[in-house]
N, C-alpha and C. Protein backbone atom coordinates (compact mmCIF):
# COMPACT_ATOMS: atom_id res chain seq x y z
N MET A 1 164.24 79.85 137.44
CA MET A 1 164.48 80.98 137.90
C MET A 1 165.82 80.48 138.87
N SER A 2 167.01 80.78 138.76
CA SER A 2 167.92 80.20 139.77
C SER A 2 168.76 81.45 140.28
N THR A 3 169.41 81.21 141.42
CA THR A 3 169.80 82.32 141.98
C THR A 3 171.51 81.98 141.73
N SER A 4 172.05 83.02 142.33
CA SER A 4 173.81 82.97 142.15
C SER A 4 174.13 81.75 143.33
N TYR A 5 173.64 81.99 144.31
CA TYR A 5 173.77 80.88 145.48
C TYR A 5 173.39 79.30 144.82
N GLN A 6 172.62 79.17 144.26
CA GLN A 6 172.17 77.68 143.55
C GLN A 6 173.14 77.52 142.26
N GLU A 7 173.31 78.49 141.63
CA GLU A 7 174.45 78.44 140.79
C GLU A 7 175.53 77.95 141.36
N ALA A 8 176.14 78.71 142.29
CA ALA A 8 177.68 78.25 142.83
C ALA A 8 177.68 77.09 143.71
N ALA A 9 176.48 76.73 144.40
CA ALA A 9 176.37 75.41 144.86
C ALA A 9 175.94 74.19 143.98
N GLN A 10 175.63 74.30 142.81
CA GLN A 10 175.52 73.11 141.96
C GLN A 10 176.95 73.12 141.26
N SER A 11 177.75 74.15 140.91
CA SER A 11 178.78 74.15 140.43
C SER A 11 180.17 73.29 141.22
N THR A 12 180.08 73.34 142.19
CA THR A 12 180.89 73.32 143.40
C THR A 12 180.62 71.57 143.48
N GLY A 13 179.83 71.46 143.30
CA GLY A 13 179.49 69.85 143.28
C GLY A 13 178.73 69.40 144.96
N TYR A 14 178.53 69.99 145.56
CA TYR A 14 178.18 69.84 146.91
C TYR A 14 176.77 69.29 146.50
N TYR A 15 175.70 69.88 146.07
CA TYR A 15 174.53 69.17 145.92
C TYR A 15 174.39 68.84 144.12
N PRO A 16 173.11 67.87 144.21
CA PRO A 16 173.12 67.11 142.92
C PRO A 16 172.38 68.35 142.07
N LEU A 17 172.80 68.40 140.78
CA LEU A 17 172.29 69.28 139.81
C LEU A 17 170.84 69.08 139.73
N THR A 18 169.76 70.05 140.11
CA THR A 18 168.47 69.95 139.96
C THR A 18 168.12 71.16 139.23
N PRO A 19 167.11 70.93 138.48
CA PRO A 19 166.29 72.37 137.98
C PRO A 19 165.70 72.94 139.30
N ALA A 20 166.23 74.44 139.01
CA ALA A 20 165.32 75.34 139.96
C ALA A 20 163.87 75.45 139.72
N PRO A 21 163.53 75.47 140.91
CA PRO A 21 161.82 75.55 140.64
C PRO A 21 161.43 77.01 140.26
N THR A 22 160.14 76.61 139.48
CA THR A 22 159.62 77.93 138.77
C THR A 22 158.28 78.37 139.49
N ALA A 23 157.92 79.33 139.46
CA ALA A 23 156.88 79.59 139.85
C ALA A 23 155.68 79.86 138.69
N PRO A 24 154.73 79.31 139.01
CA PRO A 24 153.32 79.35 137.89
C PRO A 24 153.02 80.77 137.32
N ARG A 25 152.98 80.88 136.16
CA ARG A 25 152.71 82.08 135.61
C ARG A 25 151.04 82.60 135.79
N PRO A 26 150.80 83.92 135.91
CA PRO A 26 149.25 84.02 136.06
C PRO A 26 148.51 83.54 134.61
N SER A 27 149.42 83.50 133.71
CA SER A 27 148.56 83.09 132.19
C SER A 27 148.10 81.74 132.25
N GLN A 28 149.12 80.62 132.83
CA GLN A 28 148.75 79.62 133.14
C GLN A 28 147.67 78.89 133.81
N ALA A 29 147.40 79.48 134.49
CA ALA A 29 146.36 79.31 135.52
C ALA A 29 144.75 79.74 135.07
N SER A 30 143.93 78.92 135.27
CA SER A 30 142.69 79.48 134.42
C SER A 30 141.91 80.41 135.67
N PRO A 31 140.98 81.45 135.03
CA PRO A 31 140.32 82.36 136.17
C PRO A 31 139.49 81.45 137.22
N ASP A 32 138.73 80.26 136.81
CA ASP A 32 138.26 79.48 137.67
C ASP A 32 139.23 79.24 139.04
N SER A 33 140.40 78.55 138.62
CA SER A 33 141.15 78.10 139.50
C SER A 33 141.75 79.11 140.57
N GLN A 34 142.04 80.43 140.02
CA GLN A 34 142.23 81.35 140.67
C GLN A 34 141.34 82.06 141.77
N GLY A 35 140.42 82.02 141.25
CA GLY A 35 139.15 82.36 142.36
C GLY A 35 138.95 81.15 143.64
N ALA A 36 138.91 80.02 143.15
CA ALA A 36 138.89 79.15 144.14
C ALA A 36 139.93 78.97 145.03
N SER A 37 141.04 79.27 144.67
CA SER A 37 142.17 79.22 145.58
C SER A 37 142.46 80.50 146.33
N THR A 38 141.95 81.41 146.29
CA THR A 38 141.73 82.80 146.86
C THR A 38 140.89 82.64 147.81
N SER A 39 139.80 82.08 147.64
CA SER A 39 138.71 81.69 148.56
C SER A 39 139.12 80.69 149.61
N ALA A 40 139.71 79.76 149.28
CA ALA A 40 140.26 78.71 150.12
C ALA A 40 141.33 79.20 151.12
N ALA A 41 142.17 80.23 150.77
CA ALA A 41 143.18 80.84 151.20
C ALA A 41 142.48 81.88 152.40
N GLN A 42 141.62 82.51 151.94
CA GLN A 42 141.26 83.19 152.83
C GLN A 42 140.69 82.88 154.18
N PRO A 43 139.61 81.65 154.34
CA PRO A 43 139.19 81.20 155.64
C PRO A 43 140.56 80.55 156.26
N GLN A 44 141.41 79.96 155.62
CA GLN A 44 142.75 79.40 156.28
C GLN A 44 143.29 80.63 156.78
N SER A 45 143.84 81.63 156.16
CA SER A 45 144.54 82.82 156.99
C SER A 45 143.79 83.37 158.15
N SER A 46 142.41 83.61 157.88
CA SER A 46 141.78 84.11 159.07
C SER A 46 141.70 83.00 160.14
N ARG A 47 141.68 81.83 160.10
CA ARG A 47 141.62 80.76 161.05
C ARG A 47 143.14 81.02 161.87
N GLN A 48 144.11 81.29 160.88
CA GLN A 48 145.44 81.41 161.30
C GLN A 48 145.48 82.59 162.29
N VAL A 49 144.82 83.69 161.74
CA VAL A 49 145.01 85.11 162.50
C VAL A 49 144.26 84.78 163.81
N THR A 50 143.22 84.07 164.13
CA THR A 50 142.31 84.21 165.21
C THR A 50 143.16 83.10 166.25
N GLU A 51 143.79 82.03 165.61
CA GLU A 51 144.38 81.01 166.45
C GLU A 51 145.59 81.66 166.90
N GLU A 52 146.61 82.82 166.25
CA GLU A 52 147.19 83.59 166.78
C GLU A 52 147.16 84.14 167.79
N ALA A 53 146.07 85.07 167.68
CA ALA A 53 145.24 86.01 168.48
C ALA A 53 145.09 85.26 169.82
N ARG A 54 144.52 83.99 169.89
CA ARG A 54 144.10 83.56 170.89
C ARG A 54 145.19 83.03 171.84
N LYS A 55 146.41 82.49 171.01
CA LYS A 55 147.57 82.20 171.95
C LYS A 55 148.36 83.32 172.45
N ASP A 56 148.22 84.47 171.82
CA ASP A 56 148.79 85.68 172.41
C ASP A 56 148.26 86.16 173.65
N ARG A 57 146.90 86.04 173.59
CA ARG A 57 145.90 86.17 174.77
C ARG A 57 146.34 85.21 175.77
N SER A 58 146.30 84.04 175.72
CA SER A 58 146.64 83.07 176.72
C SER A 58 147.99 83.39 177.32
N LEU A 59 149.24 83.60 176.16
CA LEU A 59 150.52 83.75 176.86
C LEU A 59 150.27 85.29 177.66
N ALA A 60 149.60 86.18 176.89
CA ALA A 60 149.67 87.37 178.12
C ALA A 60 148.65 87.02 179.67
N GLU A 61 147.56 86.32 179.23
CA GLU A 61 147.33 86.29 180.57
C GLU A 61 148.23 85.07 181.56
N PHE A 62 148.82 84.37 181.01
CA PHE A 62 149.68 83.12 181.88
C PHE A 62 150.78 84.38 182.15
N LEU A 63 151.39 85.43 181.46
CA LEU A 63 152.50 86.31 182.02
C LEU A 63 151.92 87.02 183.11
N LEU A 64 150.68 87.58 183.11
CA LEU A 64 149.89 88.41 184.23
C LEU A 64 150.01 87.53 185.21
N MET A 65 149.86 86.29 185.26
CA MET A 65 149.43 85.18 186.48
C MET A 65 150.78 85.27 187.02
N LEU A 66 151.97 85.25 186.37
CA LEU A 66 153.48 85.29 186.86
C LEU A 66 153.70 86.22 187.68
N ASP A 67 152.99 87.18 187.53
CA ASP A 67 153.44 88.58 188.43
C ASP A 67 153.25 88.03 189.95
N ASP A 68 152.05 87.50 190.27
CA ASP A 68 151.59 87.09 191.59
C ASP A 68 152.16 85.76 191.73
N TYR A 69 152.73 84.90 191.04
CA TYR A 69 153.18 83.71 191.53
C TYR A 69 154.63 83.76 192.03
N GLU A 70 155.22 83.19 193.26
CA GLU A 70 156.19 83.10 193.72
C GLU A 70 156.91 81.71 193.64
N PRO A 71 158.10 81.15 193.01
CA PRO A 71 157.95 80.16 192.62
C PRO A 71 158.96 79.29 194.07
N LEU A 72 159.19 78.30 193.95
CA LEU A 72 159.96 77.77 195.00
C LEU A 72 161.37 77.71 195.22
N VAL A 73 161.60 77.80 193.91
CA VAL A 73 163.43 78.36 193.70
C VAL A 73 163.24 79.68 193.86
N PRO A 74 164.04 80.50 195.04
CA PRO A 74 164.10 81.73 194.82
C PRO A 74 164.83 82.65 193.87
N ASN A 75 164.43 83.86 193.69
CA ASN A 75 164.96 84.47 192.32
C ASN A 75 166.36 84.65 192.66
N GLU A 76 166.56 84.80 193.66
CA GLU A 76 168.08 85.14 193.58
C GLU A 76 168.93 83.82 193.31
N VAL A 77 168.43 82.74 193.44
CA VAL A 77 169.10 81.76 193.20
C VAL A 77 169.07 81.61 191.59
N THR A 78 167.74 81.98 190.86
CA THR A 78 167.58 81.71 189.56
C THR A 78 168.51 82.99 189.09
N ASP A 79 168.79 84.23 189.40
CA ASP A 79 169.54 85.37 188.90
C ASP A 79 170.90 84.70 188.84
N TYR A 80 171.44 84.25 190.01
CA TYR A 80 172.86 83.73 190.12
C TYR A 80 173.13 82.64 189.10
N TYR A 81 172.23 81.71 188.69
CA TYR A 81 172.60 80.67 187.67
C TYR A 81 172.45 81.48 186.26
N LEU A 82 171.53 82.26 186.14
CA LEU A 82 171.08 82.94 184.72
C LEU A 82 172.36 83.82 184.64
N GLN A 83 172.94 84.45 185.63
CA GLN A 83 174.20 85.32 185.29
C GLN A 83 175.11 84.35 184.97
N ARG A 84 175.22 83.47 185.68
CA ARG A 84 176.52 82.65 185.46
C ARG A 84 176.55 81.94 184.14
N VAL A 85 175.41 81.40 183.59
CA VAL A 85 175.75 81.31 181.94
C VAL A 85 175.50 82.46 180.65
N GLY A 86 175.35 83.73 181.56
CA GLY A 86 175.45 84.84 180.54
C GLY A 86 174.26 85.13 180.13
N PHE A 87 173.03 84.85 180.76
CA PHE A 87 171.81 85.15 180.65
C PHE A 87 171.29 86.59 181.25
N GLU A 88 171.21 87.70 180.24
CA GLU A 88 170.64 88.77 181.01
C GLU A 88 169.45 89.11 180.59
N CYS A 89 168.59 89.54 181.57
CA CYS A 89 167.17 89.90 181.13
C CYS A 89 166.52 90.54 182.40
N GLU A 90 165.83 91.78 182.36
CA GLU A 90 165.39 92.24 183.55
C GLU A 90 164.07 92.04 183.65
N ASP A 91 163.11 91.24 182.77
CA ASP A 91 161.86 90.92 182.88
C ASP A 91 161.91 89.68 184.01
N VAL A 92 161.22 89.93 185.28
CA VAL A 92 161.14 89.41 186.12
C VAL A 92 160.42 87.97 185.93
N ARG A 93 159.05 88.36 184.98
CA ARG A 93 157.97 87.33 184.94
C ARG A 93 158.93 86.13 183.94
N LEU A 94 159.77 86.60 183.17
CA LEU A 94 160.47 85.80 182.60
C LEU A 94 161.48 84.74 183.31
N LYS A 95 162.27 85.44 184.16
CA LYS A 95 162.80 84.61 185.30
C LYS A 95 162.25 83.70 185.94
N ARG A 96 160.99 84.22 186.45
CA ARG A 96 159.81 83.31 187.31
C ARG A 96 159.50 82.14 186.39
N LEU A 97 159.47 82.35 185.07
CA LEU A 97 158.86 81.06 183.94
C LEU A 97 160.21 80.03 183.95
N LEU A 98 161.25 80.71 183.60
CA LEU A 98 162.49 79.59 184.10
C LEU A 98 162.76 79.15 184.98
N SER A 99 162.28 79.73 186.42
CA SER A 99 162.02 78.94 187.86
C SER A 99 161.31 77.83 187.60
N LEU A 100 159.85 78.34 187.30
CA LEU A 100 158.88 77.47 187.14
C LEU A 100 159.14 76.11 186.32
N ALA A 101 160.11 76.15 185.29
CA ALA A 101 160.53 75.15 184.20
C ALA A 101 161.29 74.24 185.22
N ALA A 102 162.40 74.94 185.65
CA ALA A 102 163.21 74.30 186.77
C ALA A 102 162.49 73.43 187.77
N GLN A 103 161.74 74.12 188.18
CA GLN A 103 160.98 73.45 189.42
C GLN A 103 160.39 72.16 188.99
N LYS A 104 159.58 72.28 187.97
CA LYS A 104 158.78 71.15 187.27
C LYS A 104 159.94 70.03 186.45
N PHE A 105 161.11 70.46 186.33
CA PHE A 105 162.09 69.52 185.89
C PHE A 105 162.62 68.57 187.30
N VAL A 106 162.79 69.35 188.26
CA VAL A 106 163.01 68.64 189.51
C VAL A 106 162.20 67.72 190.09
N SER A 107 160.81 68.48 190.13
CA SER A 107 159.64 67.46 190.67
C SER A 107 159.75 66.13 189.62
N ASP A 108 159.68 66.58 188.73
CA ASP A 108 159.35 64.95 187.58
C ASP A 108 160.44 64.32 188.15
N ILE A 109 161.80 64.63 188.15
CA ILE A 109 162.92 63.81 188.46
C ILE A 109 162.59 62.94 189.86
N ALA A 110 162.32 63.81 190.76
CA ALA A 110 161.99 63.28 191.83
C ALA A 110 160.72 62.17 192.13
N ALA A 111 159.55 62.63 191.16
CA ALA A 111 158.67 61.81 191.20
C ALA A 111 159.19 60.15 190.50
N ASP A 112 159.88 60.35 189.18
CA ASP A 112 160.60 59.19 188.78
C ASP A 112 161.29 58.55 189.67
N ALA A 113 162.16 58.94 190.54
CA ALA A 113 162.96 58.60 191.66
C ALA A 113 162.12 57.79 192.60
N TYR A 114 161.20 58.35 193.08
CA TYR A 114 160.15 57.75 193.92
C TYR A 114 159.42 56.43 193.54
N GLN A 115 159.18 56.32 192.13
CA GLN A 115 158.56 55.11 191.70
C GLN A 115 159.66 54.07 191.53
N HIS A 116 160.50 54.64 191.10
CA HIS A 116 161.89 53.62 191.20
C HIS A 116 161.97 52.77 192.49
N ALA A 117 162.19 53.91 193.61
CA ALA A 117 162.34 53.14 194.89
C ALA A 117 161.08 52.47 195.22
N ARG A 118 160.06 52.91 194.89
CA ARG A 118 158.74 51.68 195.31
C ARG A 118 158.77 50.31 194.52
N ILE A 119 159.32 50.64 193.51
CA ILE A 119 159.23 49.23 192.48
C ILE A 119 160.28 48.38 193.29
N ARG A 120 161.59 48.99 193.84
CA ARG A 120 162.30 48.33 194.32
C ARG A 120 161.87 47.75 195.56
N ALA A 121 161.36 48.52 196.13
CA ALA A 121 160.77 47.92 197.62
C ALA A 121 159.63 46.78 197.79
N ASN A 122 158.97 47.30 196.37
CA ASN A 122 157.99 46.00 196.29
C ASN A 122 158.52 44.72 195.91
N THR A 123 159.54 44.77 195.22
CA THR A 123 160.07 43.63 194.52
C THR A 123 160.84 42.85 195.53
N ALA A 124 161.82 43.52 196.60
CA ALA A 124 162.34 42.97 197.51
C ALA A 124 161.62 42.72 198.74
N GLY A 125 160.38 43.55 198.75
CA GLY A 125 159.39 43.29 200.05
C GLY A 125 158.63 42.10 199.96
N GLY A 126 158.62 41.49 198.71
CA GLY A 126 157.50 40.35 198.79
C GLY A 126 158.32 39.10 199.18
N ARG A 127 159.76 39.12 198.90
CA ARG A 127 160.38 38.04 199.20
C ARG A 127 161.04 38.05 200.61
N ALA A 128 161.22 39.07 201.19
CA ALA A 128 161.92 39.26 202.50
C ALA A 128 160.94 39.40 203.71
N ARG A 129 159.78 40.39 203.45
CA ARG A 129 158.94 40.31 204.73
C ARG A 129 157.83 39.30 204.61
N THR A 130 157.62 38.13 204.44
CA THR A 130 156.83 37.41 204.45
C THR A 130 156.61 36.69 205.87
N THR A 131 157.68 36.77 206.82
CA THR A 131 157.67 36.31 207.98
C THR A 131 156.97 37.48 209.14
N GLN A 132 157.12 38.71 208.80
CA GLN A 132 156.91 39.71 209.52
C GLN A 132 155.21 39.87 209.90
N SER A 133 155.22 40.18 211.25
CA SER A 133 153.63 40.55 211.15
C SER A 133 153.44 41.58 212.30
N GLY A 134 152.38 42.06 212.72
CA GLY A 134 152.18 43.05 213.58
C GLY A 134 152.27 44.69 213.02
N PRO A 135 152.43 45.45 214.00
CA PRO A 135 152.28 47.08 213.48
C PRO A 135 153.74 47.32 212.87
N ALA A 136 154.80 46.57 213.36
CA ALA A 136 156.04 47.06 212.44
C ALA A 136 155.98 46.73 211.11
N SER A 137 155.09 45.69 210.62
CA SER A 137 155.15 45.36 208.92
C SER A 137 154.35 46.13 208.36
N ALA A 138 153.09 46.70 209.08
CA ALA A 138 152.47 47.77 208.43
C ALA A 138 153.20 49.30 208.20
N ARG A 139 154.04 49.75 209.04
CA ARG A 139 154.63 50.77 209.00
C ARG A 139 155.78 50.70 207.90
N ASP A 140 156.29 49.25 207.90
CA ASP A 140 157.48 49.35 206.57
C ASP A 140 156.97 49.11 205.39
N LYS A 141 155.33 48.87 205.20
CA LYS A 141 154.88 48.91 203.59
C LYS A 141 154.76 50.37 203.58
N THR A 142 154.78 51.30 204.27
CA THR A 142 154.29 52.60 203.99
C THR A 142 155.61 53.28 203.94
N LYS A 143 156.68 53.20 204.37
CA LYS A 143 157.88 53.85 204.51
C LYS A 143 158.76 53.41 203.44
N THR A 144 159.13 54.25 202.36
CA THR A 144 159.69 54.06 201.24
C THR A 144 161.46 55.00 201.40
N THR A 145 162.07 54.60 201.16
CA THR A 145 163.85 54.94 201.43
C THR A 145 164.17 55.39 199.85
N LEU A 146 164.56 56.57 199.59
CA LEU A 146 164.92 57.07 198.22
C LEU A 146 166.60 56.59 198.39
N ALA A 147 167.13 55.85 197.52
CA ALA A 147 168.56 55.29 197.49
C ALA A 147 168.94 56.02 196.27
N MET A 148 170.49 56.16 196.16
CA MET A 148 171.29 56.59 195.41
C MET A 148 171.00 55.88 193.68
N GLU A 149 170.80 54.55 193.76
CA GLU A 149 170.47 53.68 192.77
C GLU A 149 169.20 54.43 191.94
N ASP A 150 168.16 54.64 192.84
CA ASP A 150 166.57 55.04 192.31
C ASP A 150 166.89 56.38 191.68
N LEU A 151 167.81 57.58 192.28
CA LEU A 151 168.03 58.62 191.66
C LEU A 151 168.62 58.49 190.49
N SER A 152 169.56 57.51 190.55
CA SER A 152 170.51 57.62 189.21
C SER A 152 169.79 56.90 187.99
N ALA A 153 168.52 55.92 188.28
CA ALA A 153 168.09 55.52 187.48
C ALA A 153 166.95 56.59 186.95
N ALA A 154 166.25 57.29 187.66
CA ALA A 154 165.38 58.35 187.34
C ALA A 154 166.20 59.41 186.47
N LEU A 155 167.61 59.80 186.72
CA LEU A 155 168.22 60.68 185.89
C LEU A 155 168.76 60.08 184.55
N ALA A 156 168.99 59.07 184.56
CA ALA A 156 169.29 58.23 183.52
C ALA A 156 167.78 58.51 182.25
N GLU A 157 166.95 58.24 182.58
CA GLU A 157 165.89 58.43 181.72
C GLU A 157 165.95 60.12 181.13
N TYR A 158 166.38 60.97 181.90
CA TYR A 158 166.46 62.22 181.13
C TYR A 158 168.09 62.39 180.46
N GLY A 159 168.85 61.22 180.35
CA GLY A 159 170.23 61.56 179.67
C GLY A 159 170.90 62.05 180.64
N ILE A 160 170.87 61.91 181.90
CA ILE A 160 171.59 62.69 183.03
C ILE A 160 172.58 61.35 183.64
N THR A 161 173.87 61.40 183.60
CA THR A 161 174.45 60.48 183.99
C THR A 161 175.09 60.85 185.74
N SER A 162 174.79 59.56 186.62
CA SER A 162 175.45 60.05 187.72
C SER A 162 176.00 58.92 188.33
N ARG A 163 177.14 59.21 189.30
CA ARG A 163 177.67 57.96 189.94
C ARG A 163 178.23 58.27 190.89
N LYS A 164 178.09 57.12 192.19
CA LYS A 164 178.67 57.38 193.18
C LYS A 164 180.07 57.48 193.22
N PRO A 165 180.70 58.00 194.39
CA PRO A 165 182.03 58.19 194.12
C PRO A 165 182.78 56.84 194.71
N GLU A 166 184.18 56.82 194.19
CA GLU A 166 184.81 55.35 194.47
C GLU A 166 184.85 55.02 195.52
N PHE A 167 185.16 55.80 196.56
CA PHE A 167 185.28 55.33 197.98
C PHE A 167 184.98 56.78 199.03
N TYR A 168 184.30 56.10 199.94
CA TYR A 168 184.16 57.11 201.15
C TYR A 168 185.41 57.58 202.00
N MET A 169 185.53 58.81 202.48
CA MET A 169 186.61 59.09 203.44
C MET A 169 186.15 59.40 204.81
């Protein structure tokens, strides 16, 4: 059974000529195999239905939790950027969900940048601070300074390139 789309595609040479798939006819299948396939399909479809129902319930519960949640990114900021890209939606829960996703993205970048800064401080600290002693050395070990190179390295992991300006005025 081939459609006019398959015939047109095959006649133009874009696709290799392949025989069109045919569905098995009911007379070809034995009665025993039909009964086994329907009984096997029944539990699988009911399992799928229960799984989808569970996902729908969990999504509904999550959206209800978003009613009470106030994200760190203010709603006005989210509205501004959503309007700027052409996204129009009146559902506040969806906007809060997008704010929550942006908040997680920023926090992941900040955590990665912090890890890069700690690694940089540990590798430089082992050589430079061997002569220091007293309370100043204890304070320096706990203090981590985030540099632009740490942030650039963290952003590069997410496919974002950032560079310092050529010069400062």
